Protein backbone atom coordinates (compact mmCIF):
# COMPACT_ATOMS: atom_id res chain seq x y z
CA MET A 1 62.48 14.21 -108.28
CA ASN A 2 63.15 17.92 -107.72
CA SER A 3 65.69 18.90 -105.09
CA THR A 4 65.69 22.18 -103.30
CA LEU A 5 69.02 23.93 -103.48
CA PRO A 6 70.17 26.22 -100.69
CA PRO A 7 70.03 29.89 -101.55
CA SER A 8 73.18 31.50 -102.79
CA PRO A 9 74.92 33.58 -100.20
CA GLU A 10 75.07 37.25 -100.67
CA PRO A 11 78.38 38.61 -101.99
CA GLY A 12 80.79 39.05 -99.19
CA ALA A 13 78.64 37.13 -96.64
CA PRO A 14 80.26 34.25 -94.80
CA GLY A 15 79.14 30.73 -95.40
CA PRO A 16 76.58 28.96 -93.19
CA SER A 17 79.27 27.10 -91.38
CA SER A 18 82.73 27.89 -90.03
CA ALA A 19 84.06 24.71 -91.55
CA PRO A 20 86.42 25.20 -94.45
CA GLN A 21 84.93 25.01 -97.91
CA PHE A 22 86.02 22.18 -100.10
CA GLY A 23 88.12 23.43 -102.81
CA MET A 24 89.55 26.37 -100.80
CA PRO A 25 93.30 27.00 -101.22
CA ALA A 26 95.47 25.26 -98.72
CA GLY A 27 96.79 27.38 -95.93
CA ALA A 28 94.05 29.98 -96.28
CA PRO A 29 92.96 31.22 -92.89
CA ALA A 30 89.53 30.08 -91.74
CA PRO A 31 87.04 32.84 -91.15
CA ALA A 32 86.45 33.78 -87.56
CA PRO A 33 83.17 32.49 -86.04
CA GLN A 34 80.34 34.97 -86.01
CA LYS A 35 79.73 35.50 -82.31
CA LYS A 36 77.09 38.16 -82.93
CA ARG A 37 74.78 35.67 -84.60
CA GLY A 38 75.24 33.26 -81.70
CA LYS A 39 74.10 35.93 -79.24
CA TRP A 40 71.00 36.50 -81.27
CA PHE A 41 70.25 32.79 -81.26
CA ILE A 42 70.75 32.66 -77.50
CA ALA A 43 68.66 35.80 -77.00
CA GLY A 44 66.02 34.40 -79.31
CA GLY A 45 66.06 31.12 -77.43
CA CYS A 46 65.74 32.94 -74.12
CA GLY A 47 62.88 34.98 -75.51
CA CYS A 48 61.12 31.83 -76.64
CA LEU A 49 61.65 30.32 -73.22
CA ALA A 50 60.24 33.45 -71.59
CA ILE A 51 57.24 33.37 -73.91
CA ILE A 52 56.73 29.67 -73.23
CA ALA A 53 57.01 30.35 -69.50
CA LEU A 54 54.40 33.11 -69.77
CA VAL A 55 52.12 30.84 -71.75
CA VAL A 56 52.60 28.05 -69.24
CA ALA A 57 51.95 30.47 -66.39
CA SER A 58 48.84 31.76 -68.10
CA CYS A 59 47.61 28.23 -68.72
CA SER A 60 48.40 27.37 -65.12
CA ALA A 61 46.43 30.41 -63.99
CA ILE A 62 43.54 29.40 -66.22
CA VAL A 63 43.73 25.83 -64.98
CA MET A 64 43.91 27.05 -61.38
CA ASN A 65 40.97 29.34 -61.93
CA GLY A 66 39.14 26.53 -63.61
CA SER A 67 39.94 24.20 -60.75
CA ASP A 68 38.86 26.88 -58.27
CA ASP A 69 35.62 27.30 -60.16
CA GLY A 70 35.28 23.56 -60.26
CA GLU A 71 35.87 23.41 -56.53
CA ASP A 72 33.29 26.14 -55.94
CA THR A 73 30.84 24.33 -58.17
CA SER A 74 31.53 21.03 -56.54
CA THR A 75 31.26 22.71 -53.17
CA THR A 76 27.99 24.28 -54.17
CA THR A 77 26.81 21.04 -55.66
CA ASP A 78 27.86 19.13 -52.58
CA SER A 79 26.18 21.65 -50.30
CA ALA A 80 22.81 21.35 -52.04
CA PRO A 81 22.16 17.77 -50.93
CA ALA A 82 23.09 18.77 -47.39
CA ALA A 83 20.24 21.26 -47.38
CA VAL A 84 17.90 18.63 -48.76
CA GLU A 85 19.05 16.16 -46.14
CA GLU A 86 18.43 18.73 -43.43
CA GLU A 87 14.90 19.28 -44.74
CA ALA A 88 14.23 15.54 -45.04
CA PRO A 89 13.41 15.02 -41.35
CA ALA A 90 10.67 17.65 -41.64
CA GLU A 91 9.03 15.57 -44.36
CA GLU A 92 9.34 12.43 -42.27
CA ALA A 93 7.61 14.18 -39.39
CA ALA A 94 4.37 14.34 -41.38
CA PRO A 95 3.53 10.61 -40.94
CA GLU A 96 4.21 10.97 -37.22
CA GLU A 97 1.75 13.82 -37.03
CA ALA A 98 -0.76 11.73 -38.96
CA ALA A 99 -0.20 8.87 -36.52
CA ILE A 100 -0.79 11.23 -33.63
CA GLU A 101 -4.01 12.41 -35.24
CA GLU A 102 -5.11 8.80 -35.75
CA GLU A 103 -4.39 8.02 -32.14
CA ALA A 104 -6.42 10.99 -30.98
CA PRO A 105 -9.47 9.69 -29.11
CA ALA A 106 -12.75 9.89 -30.99
CA GLU A 107 -15.19 12.47 -29.82
CA GLU A 108 -17.49 10.98 -27.27
CA ALA A 109 -21.17 10.91 -28.16
CA PRO A 110 -23.16 13.42 -26.17
CA ALA A 111 -24.62 11.84 -23.11
CA GLU A 112 -28.35 11.29 -23.11
CA GLU A 113 -30.25 14.08 -21.52
CA GLU A 114 -30.92 13.22 -17.93
CA ALA A 115 -34.20 13.98 -16.28
CA PRO A 116 -34.01 17.32 -14.48
CA ALA A 117 -33.68 17.40 -10.74
CA GLU A 118 -36.82 17.84 -8.70
CA GLY A 119 -36.16 21.50 -8.00
CA ASP A 120 -35.26 22.30 -11.62
CA VAL A 121 -38.24 20.80 -13.47
CA PRO A 122 -39.20 22.96 -16.46
CA ALA A 123 -42.76 24.21 -16.65
CA GLU A 124 -43.35 22.13 -19.81
CA TYR A 125 -42.44 18.94 -17.98
CA THR A 126 -44.82 19.78 -15.13
CA SER A 127 -47.65 20.51 -17.56
CA ALA A 128 -47.05 17.24 -19.39
CA LEU A 129 -47.18 15.33 -16.10
CA ASN A 130 -50.47 17.00 -15.13
CA SER A 131 -52.02 16.08 -18.49
CA ALA A 132 -50.78 12.50 -18.17
CA GLU A 133 -52.45 12.18 -14.76
CA SER A 134 -55.74 13.35 -16.22
CA TYR A 135 -55.61 10.82 -19.07
CA SER A 136 -54.83 8.03 -16.63
CA GLU A 137 -57.47 8.87 -14.01
CA MET A 138 -60.34 9.87 -16.32
CA LEU A 139 -59.81 7.81 -19.49
CA HIS A 140 -57.82 4.92 -17.97
CA MET A 141 -55.32 5.03 -20.81
CA SER A 142 -52.18 2.91 -21.11
CA LYS A 143 -48.65 4.22 -20.67
CA GLN A 144 -47.92 4.12 -24.41
CA GLY A 145 -51.32 5.59 -25.22
CA ILE A 146 -50.67 8.55 -22.91
CA PHE A 147 -47.21 9.15 -24.39
CA ASP A 148 -48.63 9.18 -27.93
CA GLN A 149 -51.40 11.54 -26.90
CA LEU A 150 -48.98 13.95 -25.24
CA THR A 151 -46.65 14.12 -28.27
CA SER A 152 -49.23 13.92 -31.08
CA GLU A 153 -49.54 16.89 -33.40
CA TYR A 154 -53.29 16.35 -33.12
CA GLY A 155 -53.03 16.01 -29.35
CA ASP A 156 -51.08 17.93 -26.71
CA GLN A 157 -47.92 18.51 -28.83
CA PHE A 158 -45.48 18.27 -25.95
CA SER A 159 -41.84 17.50 -26.69
CA GLU A 160 -40.79 13.86 -26.45
CA GLU A 161 -38.55 14.68 -23.48
CA ALA A 162 -41.44 16.25 -21.58
CA ALA A 163 -43.78 13.36 -22.43
CA GLN A 164 -41.20 10.78 -21.35
CA TYR A 165 -40.69 12.60 -18.09
CA ALA A 166 -44.48 12.57 -17.56
CA VAL A 167 -45.04 8.82 -18.11
CA ASP A 168 -41.92 7.93 -16.12
CA ASN A 169 -43.09 9.96 -13.12
CA LEU A 170 -46.78 9.14 -13.39
CA GLU A 171 -48.08 7.06 -10.51
CA ALA A 172 -50.56 4.73 -12.16
CA ASP A 173 -51.73 1.13 -11.88
CA TRP A 174 -51.64 0.03 -15.50
CA ASN A 175 -53.33 -3.28 -14.77
CA ASP A 176 -56.22 -1.44 -13.15
CA ASN A 177 -56.40 0.96 -16.12
CA ALA A 178 -56.62 -2.02 -18.47
CA LEU A 179 -59.40 -3.56 -16.35
CA LYS A 180 -61.40 -0.36 -16.27
CA SER A 181 -61.04 0.05 -20.04
CA ALA A 182 -62.23 -3.55 -20.51
CA GLU A 183 -65.27 -2.90 -18.30
CA SER A 184 -66.10 0.19 -20.37
CA TYR A 185 -65.98 -1.79 -23.64
CA SER A 186 -68.14 -4.50 -22.12
CA GLU A 187 -70.79 -2.20 -20.66
CA THR A 188 -71.13 0.35 -23.47
CA LEU A 189 -70.24 -1.61 -26.63
CA HIS A 190 -71.17 -5.11 -25.41
CA MET A 191 -68.01 -6.56 -26.86
CA SER A 192 -66.87 -10.17 -26.55
CA LYS A 193 -64.02 -11.36 -24.36
CA GLN A 194 -61.68 -11.86 -27.33
CA GLY A 195 -62.79 -8.60 -28.91
CA ILE A 196 -61.91 -6.69 -25.74
CA TYR A 197 -58.50 -8.36 -25.49
CA ASP A 198 -57.67 -7.42 -29.10
CA GLN A 199 -58.82 -3.85 -28.53
CA LEU A 200 -56.71 -3.46 -25.41
CA THR A 201 -53.50 -4.71 -27.09
CA SER A 202 -53.94 -3.23 -30.58
CA GLU A 203 -51.45 -0.59 -31.76
CA TYR A 204 -54.49 1.20 -33.17
CA GLY A 205 -56.37 0.73 -29.92
CA GLU A 206 -55.37 1.09 -26.27
CA GLN A 207 -51.77 -0.24 -26.56
CA PHE A 208 -51.71 -2.04 -23.22
CA THR A 209 -49.18 -4.83 -22.86
CA GLU A 210 -50.39 -8.41 -23.36
CA GLU A 211 -49.95 -9.10 -19.67
CA GLN A 212 -52.07 -6.10 -18.71
CA ALA A 213 -54.79 -7.06 -21.20
CA GLN A 214 -54.82 -10.67 -19.99
CA TYR A 215 -55.17 -9.46 -16.43
CA ALA A 216 -58.17 -7.35 -17.48
CA ILE A 217 -60.17 -10.09 -19.20
CA ASP A 218 -59.32 -12.62 -16.49
CA THR A 219 -60.52 -10.24 -13.78
CA ILE A 220 -63.51 -8.59 -15.42
CA VAL A 221 -66.97 -9.63 -14.30
CA ALA A 222 -69.12 -9.81 -17.42
CA ASP A 223 -72.03 -11.85 -18.83
CA TRP A 224 -70.73 -12.74 -22.31
CA ASN A 225 -74.04 -14.33 -23.33
CA GLN A 226 -75.81 -11.11 -22.50
CA ASN A 227 -73.21 -9.10 -24.42
CA ALA A 228 -73.83 -11.33 -27.46
CA LEU A 229 -77.58 -10.82 -27.18
CA GLU A 230 -77.26 -7.02 -26.91
CA SER A 231 -75.02 -6.98 -29.99
CA ALA A 232 -77.51 -9.17 -31.91
CA LYS A 233 -80.38 -6.78 -31.10
CA SER A 234 -78.27 -3.82 -32.32
CA TYR A 235 -77.58 -5.56 -35.66
CA ARG A 236 -81.29 -6.40 -36.08
CA ASP A 237 -82.61 -2.95 -35.17
CA THR A 238 -80.05 -0.76 -36.94
CA MET A 239 -78.98 -2.91 -39.91
CA ASP A 240 -82.04 -5.15 -40.41
CA MET A 241 -79.90 -8.27 -40.55
CA SER A 242 -81.42 -11.79 -40.59
CA PRO A 243 -80.93 -14.14 -37.62
CA GLU A 244 -78.46 -16.29 -39.58
CA ALA A 245 -76.46 -13.27 -40.73
CA ILE A 246 -76.39 -12.04 -37.13
CA ARG A 247 -75.17 -15.47 -35.98
CA ASP A 248 -72.32 -15.36 -38.48
CA GLN A 249 -71.40 -11.79 -37.57
CA LEU A 250 -71.29 -12.54 -33.87
CA SER A 251 -69.08 -15.64 -34.22
CA SER A 252 -66.82 -14.49 -37.10
CA GLU A 253 -63.16 -13.90 -36.39
CA TYR A 254 -63.50 -10.76 -38.53
CA GLY A 255 -66.61 -9.72 -36.57
CA ASP A 256 -67.44 -9.76 -32.86
CA GLN A 257 -65.52 -12.95 -32.02
CA PHE A 258 -68.08 -14.38 -29.61
CA THR A 259 -67.97 -18.12 -29.09
CA GLN A 260 -70.36 -20.24 -31.13
CA GLU A 261 -72.38 -21.01 -27.98
CA GLU A 262 -72.67 -17.30 -27.14
CA ALA A 263 -73.79 -16.50 -30.73
CA ASP A 264 -76.40 -19.29 -30.65
CA TYR A 265 -77.71 -18.03 -27.32
CA ALA A 266 -78.08 -14.50 -28.76
CA VAL A 267 -79.99 -15.62 -31.89
CA GLU A 268 -82.30 -17.94 -29.89
CA ASN A 269 -83.19 -15.13 -27.49
CA LEU A 270 -83.68 -12.29 -29.99
CA ASP A 271 -87.50 -12.41 -29.61
CA GLY A 272 -87.42 -13.06 -25.93
């Protein structure tokens, strides 16, 4: 194992220690301690301490700056949620606004148009009423029949509001109109009692109510046998039908709807 020997001192230089060398002559004076070197060591030590102090101070400054930066960052970081928290109530207000909108009352449906006051009747309404009176007095039409005629594109073409005003303000006896219509069917077309009733109530006919039609056929004065005979003569003269065919046509539910007795009377009196 190699050992490192201390370097040889320069000639004339004192030894590393003030202790006497072994082997020196007895009574030889010991060399005086080298105070100069001690000062250098002290100065060097002070310099090292100063440098260490500067380094420590610098590190402390860096650490302080770092902590300040950290505090600023933490402060900034901590302040950010505060702003978010302040804005949070604004977001929560949205559902409240929605609730308010939901609670808002629904728009009311427009009220139905009321009939105009007597002094403010439009000219169209007055014209519709005049036409309705003519249909009632001259043609003895029903209320629904007049309304349809007034609003029909093939008829008077009044607005529905004007037509409704007309039939609502028309002074008419609908039972009497039904009776007069029944009398017309009996006298001109020689129809049967049931045939007249169906014609008065049909949606393709006069459109009287069932009560009005029943009143008409219960009140009408007619000779149903004679009506059957007149119808039988018309079938014979215009269509050259046989007596049996005429009998069937008069009594059929798809024909004239006379009673069987009325049909028999007609056929038996054809040549009379």
